[in-house]
Amino acid sequence: LPRAVFVSLGVSCVLYFLVILSALWLVGAERLASSPAPLADALRLRGLGGFVPVLTAGAVLASASVFLVLLTGISRVLFAMARENDLPAYFSQVNRVGVPGRAVVLSGVL
């Protein structure tokens, strides 16, 4: 598992670096710095506007996956805090499959 974390982090860094280089190559740093949506504008300026919906869908999916990871992590923190009596014991209970459902609901509401 630790090796997988480092490999995925390395792959992510390389992909981010390649995206940055591609955007800089397409339109230049000055244009990117002044744009509210730099990657979409880079595609439009080079006549690749048809890929903007794909870029938008990727951004939405990436945001959703980050939200789900945060929801899972925050619920586990709330669960641990309840077990340590920093929160009411109500949130330290798990359901029949071992998920701290009450902590998940609390983190979702927050």
Foldseek 3Di string as FASTA:
>chain_A
DVVVVVVVVVVVVVVVVVLVVVLCVQPHDVVQVPDPDSSCVSCVVNVNNVCVVVVVVVVVVVVVVVVVVVLQVQLVVVLVCCVVVVDPVLQVDADPVGHSVVSSVVSVVD
